[in-house]
Every structure is written in C-alpha cells, then in structure tokens.
C-alpha cells in the first residue's frame, strides 16, 4: 500500500452507484475518503486486496457497504461502491 495518495479519480460506475446510495452512506463514505487520503493504513478502513486480483482492493464504509479501487501507474481509481455484493460483480 502507499503512504500518501497524491491523485485519485472516480470511475463512471462509481459515480453512478454513489448517487444511488442513501445519503447517510454517502456521508459515511465521504468521511472514510478523507481518512483514507490522510492515512491509507488506518485500521477502520479494513483495506484488503481482492482475492484473485493483482491490483484491486476493497475498503469498508460500514459492515454492509464497501468500495473498491485500484492503483494505476499515475493515480488511484475508485471503481465501485455499494453493498458487499459489489465484490461478486467485479
């Protein structure tokens, strides 16, 4: 994992899924994003590599909601957000 994130973007899929989330989950993600950008190793994020992938990761918003991301050569890309079943749709 990286120590500091300098650049990131949201995929079209992520943006679309984010808009469909309940407002309280959007707010919770916004708080987790702020924490993630300051300290990607923070234990409350519960980050782990997605099994069977080389550079895709998941993080926890709540016990039910997750976000996925990957590192490209130049930046971090948030790929998907939603309930835990988003991991089955990768």
C-alpha atoms as a PDB file:
ATOM      1  CA  UNK A   1       0.000   0.000   0.000  1.00  0.00           C
ATOM      2  CA  UNK A   2       1.088   3.594  -0.435  1.00  0.00           C
ATOM      3  CA  UNK A   3       1.899   6.049   2.319  1.00  0.00           C
ATOM      4  CA  UNK A   4       0.348   9.103   0.665  1.00  0.00           C
ATOM      5  CA  UNK A   5      -2.183   9.466  -2.131  1.00  0.00           C
ATOM      6  CA  UNK A   6      -1.435  12.358  -4.440  1.00  0.00           C
ATOM      7  CA  UNK A   7      -4.039  11.874  -7.146  1.00  0.00           C
ATOM      8  CA  UNK A   8      -7.306   9.985  -7.488  1.00  0.00           C
ATOM      9  CA  UNK A   9     -10.394   9.774  -9.650  1.00  0.00           C
ATOM     10  CA  UNK A  10     -13.795   8.099  -9.644  1.00  0.00           C
ATOM     11  CA  UNK A  11     -14.889   5.772 -12.438  1.00  0.00           C
ATOM     12  CA  UNK A  12     -18.205   6.382 -14.198  1.00  0.00           C
ATOM     13  CA  UNK A  13     -19.569   3.281 -12.497  1.00  0.00           C
ATOM     14  CA  UNK A  14     -18.507   4.574  -9.080  1.00  0.00           C
ATOM     15  CA  UNK A  15     -20.156   7.963  -9.650  1.00  0.00           C
ATOM     16  CA  UNK A  16     -23.400   6.342 -10.775  1.00  0.00           C
ATOM     17  CA  UNK A  17     -23.501   3.921  -7.835  1.00  0.00           C
ATOM     18  CA  UNK A  18     -22.588   6.665  -5.350  1.00  0.00           C
ATOM     19  CA  UNK A  19     -25.579   8.773  -6.438  1.00  0.00           C
ATOM     20  CA  UNK A  20     -27.926   5.844  -5.726  1.00  0.00           C
ATOM     21  CA  UNK A  21     -26.665   5.326  -2.161  1.00  0.00           C
ATOM     22  CA  UNK A  22     -28.633   6.523   0.872  1.00  0.00           C
ATOM     23  CA  UNK A  23     -27.455   9.984   1.985  1.00  0.00           C
ATOM     24  CA  UNK A  24     -26.088   8.617   5.266  1.00  0.00           C
ATOM     25  CA  UNK A  25     -23.897   6.122   3.382  1.00  0.00           C
ATOM     26  CA  UNK A  26     -22.682   8.882   1.050  1.00  0.00           C
ATOM     27  CA  UNK A  27     -21.722  10.918   4.111  1.00  0.00           C
ATOM     28  CA  UNK A  28     -20.027   7.910   5.719  1.00  0.00           C
ATOM     29  CA  UNK A  29     -18.019   7.317   2.515  1.00  0.00           C
ATOM     30  CA  UNK A  30     -17.000  10.970   2.351  1.00  0.00           C
ATOM     31  CA  UNK A  31     -15.637  10.660   5.897  1.00  0.00           C
ATOM     32  CA  UNK A  32     -13.827   7.400   5.045  1.00  0.00           C
ATOM     33  CA  UNK A  33     -12.394   9.013   1.901  1.00  0.00           C
ATOM     34  CA  UNK A  34     -10.966  11.867   3.943  1.00  0.00           C
ATOM     35  CA  UNK A  35      -9.447   9.379   6.373  1.00  0.00           C
ATOM     36  CA  UNK A  36      -8.146   7.219   3.512  1.00  0.00           C
ATOM     37  CA  UNK A  37      -6.395  10.168   1.870  1.00  0.00           C
ATOM     38  CA  UNK A  38      -4.727  11.135   5.163  1.00  0.00           C
ATOM     39  CA  UNK A  39      -3.859   7.627   6.342  1.00  0.00           C
ATOM     40  CA  UNK A  40      -4.431   4.728   3.909  1.00  0.00           C
ATOM     41  CA  UNK A  41      -3.327   2.291   6.610  1.00  0.00           C
ATOM     42  CA  UNK A  42      -5.980   3.296   9.138  1.00  0.00           C
ATOM     43  CA  UNK A  43      -7.483   0.101  10.607  1.00  0.00           C
ATOM     44  CA  UNK A  44     -11.112   1.311  10.419  1.00  0.00           C
ATOM     45  CA  UNK A  45     -10.883   1.221   6.611  1.00  0.00           C
ATOM     46  CA  UNK A  46     -10.298  -2.550   6.745  1.00  0.00           C
ATOM     47  CA  UNK A  47      -8.490  -2.461   3.402  1.00  0.00           C
ATOM     48  CA  UNK A  48      -7.562  -5.727   1.759  1.00  0.00           C
ATOM     49  CA  UNK A  49      -6.620  -6.956  -1.653  1.00  0.00           C
ATOM     50  CA  UNK A  50      -9.458  -8.578  -3.581  1.00  0.00           C
ATOM     51  CA  UNK A  51      -8.714 -12.267  -3.859  1.00  0.00           C
ATOM     52  CA  UNK A  52      -7.646 -13.363  -7.331  1.00  0.00           C
ATOM     53  CA  UNK A  53      -6.628  -9.872  -8.495  1.00  0.00           C
ATOM     54  CA  UNK A  54      -3.243  -8.206  -8.784  1.00  0.00           C
ATOM     55  CA  UNK A  55      -4.006  -4.587  -8.007  1.00  0.00           C
ATOM     56  CA  UNK A  56      -7.644  -4.320  -6.925  1.00  0.00           C
ATOM     57  CA  UNK A  57      -8.540  -3.571  -3.347  1.00  0.00           C
ATOM     58  CA  UNK A  58     -11.630  -3.179  -1.208  1.00  0.00           C
ATOM     59  CA  UNK A  59     -12.338  -0.952   1.750  1.00  0.00           C
ATOM     60  CA  UNK A  60     -15.139  -0.817   4.263  1.00  0.00           C
ATOM     61  CA  UNK A  61     -17.580   2.039   4.763  1.00  0.00           C
ATOM     62  CA  UNK A  62     -19.821   0.129   7.174  1.00  0.00           C
ATOM     63  CA  UNK A  63     -20.202  -3.570   7.838  1.00  0.00           C
ATOM     64  CA  UNK A  64     -22.622  -3.720   4.885  1.00  0.00           C
ATOM     65  CA  UNK A  65     -21.143  -1.199   2.412  1.00  0.00           C
ATOM     66  CA  UNK A  66     -17.825  -1.409   0.568  1.00  0.00           C
ATOM     67  CA  UNK A  67     -15.819   0.474  -2.028  1.00  0.00           C
ATOM     68  CA  UNK A  68     -13.281  -0.906  -4.469  1.00  0.00           C
ATOM     69  CA  UNK A  69     -10.265   0.746  -6.001  1.00  0.00           C
ATOM     70  CA  UNK A  70      -7.074   0.074  -7.870  1.00  0.00           C
ATOM     71  CA  UNK A  71      -3.759   1.769  -8.360  1.00  0.00           C
ATOM     72  CA  UNK A  72      -2.793   2.747 -11.882  1.00  0.00           C
ATOM     73  CA  UNK A  73       0.678   3.931 -12.777  1.00  0.00           C
ATOM     74  CA  UNK A  74      -0.178   7.533 -12.003  1.00  0.00           C
ATOM     75  CA  UNK A  75      -3.130   7.568  -9.634  1.00  0.00           C
ATOM     76  CA  UNK A  76      -5.730   5.794  -7.562  1.00  0.00           C
ATOM     77  CA  UNK A  77      -9.041   4.923  -9.255  1.00  0.00           C
ATOM     78  CA  UNK A  78     -12.169   4.258  -7.214  1.00  0.00           C
ATOM     79  CA  UNK A  79     -14.037   1.622  -9.208  1.00  0.00           C
ATOM     80  CA  UNK A  80     -17.271   0.651  -7.420  1.00  0.00           C
ATOM     81  CA  UNK A  81     -19.278   1.349  -4.277  1.00  0.00           C
ATOM     82  CA  UNK A  82     -22.243  -0.425  -2.731  1.00  0.00           C
ATOM     83  CA  UNK A  83     -23.256  -3.328  -0.572  1.00  0.00           C
ATOM     84  CA  UNK A  84     -20.857  -6.197  -0.068  1.00  0.00           C
ATOM     85  CA  UNK A  85     -22.208  -7.953  -3.168  1.00  0.00           C
ATOM     86  CA  UNK A  86     -20.335  -5.484  -5.427  1.00  0.00           C
ATOM     87  CA  UNK A  87     -17.396  -7.822  -4.945  1.00  0.00           C
ATOM     88  CA  UNK A  88     -19.334 -10.534  -6.784  1.00  0.00           C
ATOM     89  CA  UNK A  89     -19.902  -8.222  -9.771  1.00  0.00           C
ATOM     90  CA  UNK A  90     -16.253  -7.418 -10.474  1.00  0.00           C
END
